[in-house]
C-alpha atoms as a PDB file:
ATOM      1  CA  ALA A   1       3.578  -8.761  -2.022  1.00  0.00           C
ATOM      2  CA  LYS A   2       4.840 -11.625  -3.211  1.00  0.00           C
ATOM      3  CA  ALA A   3       5.900 -10.068  -7.156  1.00  0.00           C
ATOM      4  CA  SER A   4       6.202  -6.591  -5.128  1.00  0.00           C
ATOM      5  CA  CYS A   5       8.945  -8.396  -3.192  1.00  0.00           C
ATOM      6  CA  GLU A   6      10.952  -9.675  -5.864  1.00  0.00           C
ATOM      7  CA  ARG A   7      10.839  -7.135  -7.606  1.00  0.00           C
ATOM      8  CA  ILE A   8      12.722  -4.908  -5.020  1.00  0.00           C
ATOM      9  CA  LYS A   9      14.835  -7.574  -4.275  1.00  0.00           C
ATOM     10  CA  LEU A  10      15.823  -8.082  -7.947  1.00  0.00           C
ATOM     11  CA  GLN A  11      16.474  -4.124  -8.046  1.00  0.00           C
ATOM     12  CA  GLU A  12      18.613  -3.530  -4.653  1.00  0.00           C
ATOM     13  CA  GLN A  13      20.145  -7.765  -5.654  1.00  0.00           C
ATOM     14  CA  GLY A  14      19.135  -7.569  -1.684  1.00  0.00           C
ATOM     15  CA  ASP A  15      16.892  -8.759   1.525  1.00  0.00           C
ATOM     16  CA  LEU A  16      14.391  -6.592   2.554  1.00  0.00           C
ATOM     17  CA  ASP A  17      14.537  -3.556   4.906  1.00  0.00           C
ATOM     18  CA  ASN A  18      12.118  -4.098   7.835  1.00  0.00           C
ATOM     19  CA  GLU A  19       9.975  -1.403   6.410  1.00  0.00           C
ATOM     20  CA  LEU A  20       8.887  -3.460   3.182  1.00  0.00           C
ATOM     21  CA  TYR A  21       9.452  -7.154   4.927  1.00  0.00           C
ATOM     22  CA  LEU A  22       6.469  -5.804   7.256  1.00  0.00           C
ATOM     23  CA  LEU A  23       4.088  -3.576   4.196  1.00  0.00           C
ATOM     24  CA  SER A  24       5.004  -6.928   2.309  1.00  0.00           C
ATOM     25  CA  ILE A  25       2.819  -8.891   5.383  1.00  0.00           C
ATOM     26  CA  PHE A  26       0.153  -6.057   5.274  1.00  0.00           C
ATOM     27  CA  ASP A  27      -0.397  -6.248   1.384  1.00  0.00           C
ATOM     28  CA  SER A  28      -0.895 -10.162   1.966  1.00  0.00           C
ATOM     29  CA  LEU A  29      -3.407  -9.923   5.167  1.00  0.00           C
ATOM     30  CA  MET A  30      -5.388  -6.852   3.020  1.00  0.00           C
ATOM     31  CA  ASP A  31      -5.300  -8.829  -0.820  1.00  0.00           C
ATOM     32  CA  PHE A  32      -6.344 -11.892   1.720  1.00  0.00           C
ATOM     33  CA  PHE A  33      -9.064  -9.385   3.755  1.00  0.00           C
ATOM     34  CA  ALA A  34     -10.131  -8.414   0.194  1.00  0.00           C
ATOM     35  CA  ASP A  35     -10.492 -11.626  -1.470  1.00  0.00           C
ATOM     36  CA  ALA A  36     -12.126 -13.252   1.485  1.00  0.00           C
ATOM     37  CA  ASN A  37     -15.270 -10.104   0.951  1.00  0.00           C
ATOM     38  CA  GLY A  38     -14.766 -10.665  -3.235  1.00  0.00           C
ATOM     39  CA  LYS A  39     -13.309  -7.705  -4.095  1.00  0.00           C
ATOM     40  CA  GLU A  40     -10.034  -7.354  -6.130  1.00  0.00           C
ATOM     41  CA  LEU A  41      -8.859  -3.773  -5.153  1.00  0.00           C
ATOM     42  CA  TRP A  42      -8.424  -2.963  -0.887  1.00  0.00           C
ATOM     43  CA  MET A  43      -8.086   0.952   0.107  1.00  0.00           C
ATOM     44  CA  CYS A  44      -6.122   1.779   2.720  1.00  0.00           C
ATOM     45  CA  LYS A  45      -7.405   5.883   3.976  1.00  0.00           C
ATOM     46  CA  SER A  46      -5.009   6.262   7.250  1.00  0.00           C
ATOM     47  CA  MET A  47      -3.167   9.349   5.496  1.00  0.00           C
ATOM     48  CA  GLY A  48      -0.682   8.647   9.036  1.00  0.00           C
ATOM     49  CA  MET A  49       0.667   6.446   5.656  1.00  0.00           C
ATOM     50  CA  SER A  50       1.217   8.996   3.735  1.00  0.00           C
ATOM     51  CA  ALA A  51       4.478   9.404   6.371  1.00  0.00           C
ATOM     52  CA  TYR A  52       5.909   6.814   4.301  1.00  0.00           C
ATOM     53  CA  HIS A  53       5.056   7.416   1.132  1.00  0.00           C
ATOM     54  CA  THR A  54       9.068   6.785  -0.269  1.00  0.00           C
ATOM     55  CA  SER A  55       8.812   2.889   1.039  1.00  0.00           C
ATOM     56  CA  LEU A  56       5.370   2.840  -0.129  1.00  0.00           C
ATOM     57  CA  LEU A  57       6.243   4.552  -3.897  1.00  0.00           C
ATOM     58  CA  LYS A  58       9.108   1.671  -3.140  1.00  0.00           C
ATOM     59  CA  PHE A  59       7.131  -1.070  -2.778  1.00  0.00           C
ATOM     60  CA  TYR A  60       3.904  -0.812  -5.434  1.00  0.00           C
ATOM     61  CA  GLY A  61       5.620   0.805  -7.765  1.00  0.00           C
ATOM     62  CA  GLN A  62       3.880   3.986  -9.667  1.00  0.00           C
ATOM     63  CA  ARG A  63       1.164   1.967 -11.445  1.00  0.00           C
ATOM     64  CA  ARG A  64      -0.240   1.036  -8.859  1.00  0.00           C
ATOM     65  CA  LEU A  65      -0.018   3.344  -5.438  1.00  0.00           C
ATOM     66  CA  ARG A  66      -2.677   6.322  -5.586  1.00  0.00           C
ATOM     67  CA  TYR A  67      -3.818   9.171  -3.354  1.00  0.00           C
ATOM     68  CA  ILE A  68      -7.146  10.374  -3.348  1.00  0.00           C
ATOM     69  CA  TYR A  69      -7.441  13.568  -2.289  1.00  0.00           C
ATOM     70  CA  LEU A  70     -11.182  13.782  -1.356  1.00  0.00           C
ATOM     71  CA  VAL A  71     -12.515  18.279  -0.244  1.00  0.00           C
ATOM     72  CA  ARG A  72     -15.147  18.113   2.124  1.00  0.00           C
ATOM     73  CA  ASP A  73     -18.039  20.496   2.304  1.00  0.00           C
ATOM     74  CA  PRO A  74     -18.324  21.437   6.171  1.00  0.00           C
ATOM     75  CA  ARG A  75     -21.873  22.592   6.047  1.00  0.00           C
ATOM     76  CA  ASP A  76     -22.652  18.884   5.519  1.00  0.00           C
ATOM     77  CA  VAL A  77     -21.290  18.353   8.998  1.00  0.00           C
ATOM     78  CA  ALA A  78     -24.373  19.919  10.861  1.00  0.00           C
END
């Protein structure tokens, strides 16, 4: 989170807006949780996060932000 915040501050030449500030807190918590469980990466499965694509892209950059598109077979539900 710190590296992303520093990169944005250099690009914007100012402080983070509230949305990016909250995203940095979320990222720090998820990083901490992943480290505590011996994982290198974390993934958010919430589809609601896609509404914030612009902010996510600005915070994580194209190299880190990834989307996984799943197609499920509805016959497998029954």
